């Protein structure tokens, strides 16, 4: 089961507005954001500091498409 943290009021408002701009539900928009983030961050740093190597096969930072 995926961990589902609550969003702050500000984060929720931002996500809602991005969703409206993309004409997509918030759930799909959040997934799209998380698919984009690995291209914006230092993958090596993220992997070096990872505390859960059991999820490498599905993680966006591993450089491979998730199955």
N, C-alpha and C. Protein backbone atom coordinates (compact mmCIF):
# COMPACT_ATOMS: atom_id res chain seq x y z
N UNK A 1 0.84 -1.17 0.00
CA UNK A 1 0.00 0.00 0.00
C UNK A 1 0.89 1.25 0.00
N UNK A 2 0.52 2.20 -0.78
CA UNK A 2 1.27 3.45 -0.88
C UNK A 2 1.00 4.32 0.34
N UNK A 3 2.01 5.04 0.76
CA UNK A 3 1.89 6.00 1.85
C UNK A 3 1.22 7.25 1.30
N UNK A 4 0.20 7.74 1.95
CA UNK A 4 -0.51 8.91 1.44
C UNK A 4 -0.52 10.03 2.49
N UNK A 5 0.51 10.86 2.48
CA UNK A 5 0.56 11.96 3.44
C UNK A 5 -0.47 13.03 3.09
N UNK A 6 -0.91 13.74 4.11
CA UNK A 6 -1.82 14.86 3.88
C UNK A 6 -1.04 16.03 3.33
N UNK A 7 -1.67 16.78 2.46
CA UNK A 7 -1.05 17.97 1.90
C UNK A 7 -1.36 19.18 2.78
N UNK A 8 -0.44 20.11 2.82
CA UNK A 8 -0.74 21.37 3.50
C UNK A 8 -1.81 22.10 2.68
N UNK A 9 -2.43 23.08 3.28
CA UNK A 9 -3.45 23.86 2.57
C UNK A 9 -2.86 24.52 1.32
N UNK A 10 -1.65 25.04 1.46
CA UNK A 10 -0.99 25.69 0.33
C UNK A 10 -0.66 24.70 -0.78
N UNK A 11 -0.12 23.54 -0.40
CA UNK A 11 0.22 22.52 -1.41
C UNK A 11 -1.03 22.03 -2.12
N UNK A 12 -2.12 21.85 -1.38
CA UNK A 12 -3.37 21.41 -1.98
C UNK A 12 -3.90 22.45 -2.96
N UNK A 13 -3.84 23.71 -2.58
CA UNK A 13 -4.30 24.78 -3.48
C UNK A 13 -3.45 24.83 -4.74
N UNK A 14 -2.15 24.66 -4.59
CA UNK A 14 -1.25 24.68 -5.74
C UNK A 14 -1.53 23.50 -6.66
N UNK A 15 -1.66 22.30 -6.08
CA UNK A 15 -1.95 21.11 -6.87
C UNK A 15 -3.28 21.26 -7.60
N UNK A 16 -4.27 21.81 -6.93
CA UNK A 16 -5.58 22.00 -7.56
C UNK A 16 -5.46 22.91 -8.78
N UNK A 17 -4.71 23.97 -8.66
CA UNK A 17 -4.57 24.92 -9.77
C UNK A 17 -3.78 24.32 -10.94
N UNK A 18 -2.75 23.56 -10.62
CA UNK A 18 -2.01 22.86 -11.68
C UNK A 18 -2.94 21.88 -12.38
N UNK A 19 -3.75 21.17 -11.60
CA UNK A 19 -4.71 20.21 -12.17
C UNK A 19 -5.70 20.88 -13.10
N UNK A 20 -6.22 22.04 -12.68
CA UNK A 20 -7.14 22.77 -13.55
C UNK A 20 -6.45 23.17 -14.85
N UNK A 21 -5.20 23.62 -14.74
CA UNK A 21 -4.47 24.05 -15.94
C UNK A 21 -4.23 22.89 -16.89
N UNK A 22 -4.03 21.70 -16.33
CA UNK A 22 -3.80 20.51 -17.16
C UNK A 22 -5.09 19.80 -17.53
N UNK A 23 -6.22 20.27 -16.96
CA UNK A 23 -7.52 19.64 -17.17
C UNK A 23 -7.48 18.15 -16.82
N UNK A 24 -6.87 17.88 -15.65
CA UNK A 24 -6.74 16.50 -15.18
C UNK A 24 -7.11 16.44 -13.70
N UNK A 25 -7.51 15.27 -13.22
CA UNK A 25 -7.77 15.13 -11.79
C UNK A 25 -6.48 15.34 -10.97
N UNK A 26 -6.66 15.71 -9.73
CA UNK A 26 -5.50 15.95 -8.87
C UNK A 26 -4.61 14.71 -8.74
N UNK A 27 -5.21 13.53 -8.70
CA UNK A 27 -4.42 12.31 -8.56
C UNK A 27 -3.49 12.10 -9.76
N UNK A 28 -4.00 12.31 -10.95
CA UNK A 28 -3.17 12.17 -12.15
C UNK A 28 -2.11 13.27 -12.22
N UNK A 29 -2.48 14.46 -11.78
CA UNK A 29 -1.54 15.57 -11.78
C UNK A 29 -0.40 15.31 -10.81
N UNK A 30 -0.72 14.79 -9.62
CA UNK A 30 0.32 14.50 -8.65
C UNK A 30 1.26 13.43 -9.19
N UNK A 31 0.72 12.41 -9.84
CA UNK A 31 1.57 11.38 -10.44
C UNK A 31 2.48 11.99 -11.51
N UNK A 32 1.94 12.88 -12.33
CA UNK A 32 2.75 13.53 -13.37
C UNK A 32 3.87 14.36 -12.76
N UNK A 33 3.58 15.04 -11.66
CA UNK A 33 4.62 15.81 -10.98
C UNK A 33 5.73 14.89 -10.50
N UNK A 34 5.36 13.78 -9.88
CA UNK A 34 6.37 12.85 -9.38
C UNK A 34 7.13 12.15 -10.50
N UNK A 35 6.55 12.03 -11.66
CA UNK A 35 7.28 11.48 -12.81
C UNK A 35 8.31 12.49 -13.33
N UNK A 36 8.02 13.77 -13.19
CA UNK A 36 8.91 14.84 -13.68
C UNK A 36 10.06 15.14 -12.71
N UNK A 37 9.82 15.05 -11.43
CA UNK A 37 10.81 15.44 -10.42
C UNK A 37 12.18 14.79 -10.62
N UNK A 38 12.28 13.50 -10.94
CA UNK A 38 13.62 12.92 -11.10
C UNK A 38 14.49 13.61 -12.16
N UNK A 39 13.88 14.21 -13.15
CA UNK A 39 14.67 14.91 -14.16
C UNK A 39 15.14 16.28 -13.67
N UNK A 40 14.61 16.74 -12.56
CA UNK A 40 14.95 18.05 -12.01
C UNK A 40 15.94 17.98 -10.85
N UNK A 41 16.17 16.77 -10.34
CA UNK A 41 17.02 16.60 -9.17
C UNK A 41 18.25 15.77 -9.50
N UNK A 42 19.23 15.81 -8.62
CA UNK A 42 20.45 15.03 -8.75
C UNK A 42 20.16 13.58 -8.35
N UNK A 43 20.04 12.72 -9.34
CA UNK A 43 19.70 11.31 -9.08
C UNK A 43 20.74 10.64 -8.19
N UNK A 44 22.00 10.91 -8.42
CA UNK A 44 23.05 10.27 -7.62
C UNK A 44 22.91 10.63 -6.15
N UNK A 45 22.65 11.89 -5.85
CA UNK A 45 22.48 12.32 -4.47
C UNK A 45 21.28 11.62 -3.83
N UNK A 46 20.18 11.55 -4.57
CA UNK A 46 18.99 10.89 -4.04
C UNK A 46 19.28 9.42 -3.75
N UNK A 47 19.92 8.74 -4.67
CA UNK A 47 20.23 7.32 -4.48
C UNK A 47 21.23 7.11 -3.34
N UNK A 48 22.21 8.00 -3.22
CA UNK A 48 23.18 7.89 -2.14
C UNK A 48 22.53 8.02 -0.77
N UNK A 49 21.49 8.81 -0.67
CA UNK A 49 20.84 9.04 0.62
C UNK A 49 19.60 8.17 0.83
N UNK A 50 19.32 7.29 -0.10
CA UNK A 50 18.14 6.42 -0.03
C UNK A 50 18.20 5.52 1.21
N UNK A 51 17.06 5.37 1.85
CA UNK A 51 16.96 4.51 3.03
C UNK A 51 16.11 3.26 2.77
N UNK A 52 15.70 3.06 1.52
CA UNK A 52 14.86 1.90 1.19
C UNK A 52 15.23 1.33 -0.18
N UNK A 53 16.36 0.62 -0.26
CA UNK A 53 16.76 0.06 -1.55
C UNK A 53 15.83 -1.04 -2.08
N UNK A 54 14.87 -1.47 -1.28
CA UNK A 54 13.94 -2.50 -1.75
C UNK A 54 13.00 -1.98 -2.84
N UNK A 55 12.91 -0.66 -2.99
CA UNK A 55 11.99 -0.07 -3.98
C UNK A 55 12.70 0.47 -5.21
N UNK A 56 13.98 0.17 -5.39
CA UNK A 56 14.73 0.71 -6.54
C UNK A 56 14.09 0.36 -7.88
N UNK A 57 13.50 -0.82 -7.97
CA UNK A 57 12.93 -1.25 -9.25
C UNK A 57 11.71 -0.43 -9.67
N UNK A 58 11.09 0.29 -8.73
CA UNK A 58 9.92 1.11 -9.08
C UNK A 58 10.17 2.60 -8.89
N UNK A 59 11.34 2.95 -8.43
CA UNK A 59 11.66 4.35 -8.13
C UNK A 59 12.03 5.12 -9.40
N UNK A 60 11.53 6.33 -9.53
CA UNK A 60 11.81 7.17 -10.68
C UNK A 60 13.25 7.61 -10.78
N UNK A 61 14.00 7.52 -9.70
CA UNK A 61 15.40 7.96 -9.70
C UNK A 61 16.36 6.88 -10.19
N UNK A 62 15.88 5.67 -10.44
CA UNK A 62 16.79 4.61 -10.88
C UNK A 62 17.16 4.72 -12.35
N UNK A 63 16.58 5.67 -13.06
CA UNK A 63 16.92 5.88 -14.46
C UNK A 63 16.20 4.96 -15.43
N UNK A 64 15.32 4.13 -14.93
CA UNK A 64 14.56 3.22 -15.77
C UNK A 64 13.09 3.52 -15.62
N UNK A 65 12.33 3.19 -16.64
CA UNK A 65 10.87 3.33 -16.57
C UNK A 65 10.33 2.31 -15.60
N UNK A 66 9.37 2.70 -14.77
CA UNK A 66 8.71 1.75 -13.88
C UNK A 66 7.85 0.83 -14.72
N UNK A 67 7.82 -0.43 -14.33
CA UNK A 67 7.06 -1.43 -15.09
C UNK A 67 5.58 -1.28 -14.89
